């Protein structure tokens, strides 16, 4: 079954279970409603967020493609016995394989593969070339076991191009018109340096005028550099050199004004067609004694210090990639029941990545500073489908102004019923997301909020839009708690999707059906 058909089936299933016999229609859309140009600042409307995921949802995530390298066979002979540290030989395979052939699948048969970060590295394993897939024999069969607890700011698996949307790129061109609606046609000063197929960054630069427009000077004054600004990673579909216009594959998600020096430039180096799939990942727990409190991660003498900001999987500067059927697990000897030291999956500066059938839970430390997050999305147009997060500080988090166009389609989360793995883990979980077709416990919480530029003071956003079907959780909007059951209208060819961009108290948060 194709992805699009699966979405249509699942949405129809959820819709039919919740909607009475009479036709349901949003009060925002009369019977004679037709799509028309709307503005972000003034109008209430639903954007088209049907572009999320691998290749904008127009292709299935591949299976069985590319040359398969079995690491247990000659010339590698790597054995997953759980005793021998295989980090160095596995990294050698990852580095050498793309030079032999592309695309390539690095296959780890059933077993336990013991890993640890090597000297001066912030990861155990690193994929830094396109068209490389790390594949196991299945979650529950192939296990990556990180034996190190010295993991502050480190990843077990890192997939990254080591570039930056903020500072990289070339051929920077000024946008010559204020864009205040979901535009795909971008007028620039000179389009001659672009061509069809280019990957570009479309962005603004936050200044105090932007901050003032959004009523946040009290909190964000002179904080534009820290906020980073809106950044959209897009593909150029066509170039009109006479009109100096670029046609992009996906609309922008919020206003880009000339006043904020909005520009387009060629994206820096990024990876594509990369993935990790069909395996479980776990970390040896820390047996350190001492302070596990909320702020203990700041103190070097605290056991939580070395666990802070550690991740099972980080994916950065990637487009058209995926993480599929990857789960956390409790390694043997972890008496606390912890699966991970702190965090699960992090996406940063990514576009059109799919997270499919993943399950992460039970971090050992869930204190302040961004610990205990199972999924942290800081990219564009991500599809999170059939993923679960349990027994953590935050299950699903959208973070930063890079987070836009993201879709959660069928997700599970629940508040811990068991004792936390360490005193640092809180006893409450918030699933911070805007989700369509969520399956959750009635006490799950969805919230939208903002922080100051220094991230030391938090507050509630002025408005948030959420559409739920099936077993609705509690939704917090502003300072009130409500339950919501609102099937989202959509055209049959694409599933309707929903986004929350990490912006503060904007006059309208908008979502629109795709047609």
Foldseek 3Di string as FASTA:
>chain_A
DAPQVVLLVQLVVLCVVFDPPDDDDDPLADPPDDDDWDFPQDDFFAAFLQQFFFNRSPGDQDDPDDAEDECCDPPRNDDQAVPDACLVSVQVCLVCVVVVDALYEYEYEFHEHEFEDDPPAQESHERQAANYEYEYPAAVGYEYEYADLLRANHEHYEYWNPDDQQPDFDDKWFFDAKDGTQDQKTATPFQVVDAAFFWKKWWFFDAVVNCVVQVNCVFAHVLRVLQRTAIATWGFHGADRVRRITGTPGTGQGIDGVVRRIIMGGGPDAYENYEYEGYEYFYAEDPDDDDQAQPCLVDPNDSLVSLHNYEHYEYERYESYEYENYEFAQDPPLPLRARAQWEYYEYAAYGNYEYYQYEYEAHLAAHDDDTFEHYEYQAARHEYENYEYEHTAEYAHYDGQRFKSYAYEEYEYAFDPDDHSYPRGDRGYEHAFAYEAYDYAQAHEYFAWAAGSVRPGIAGAQADDHEYTDSWHWYDTHHDIDTHHHSDDEDSSGNAGDIDGNDGRRVYDHRHHDD
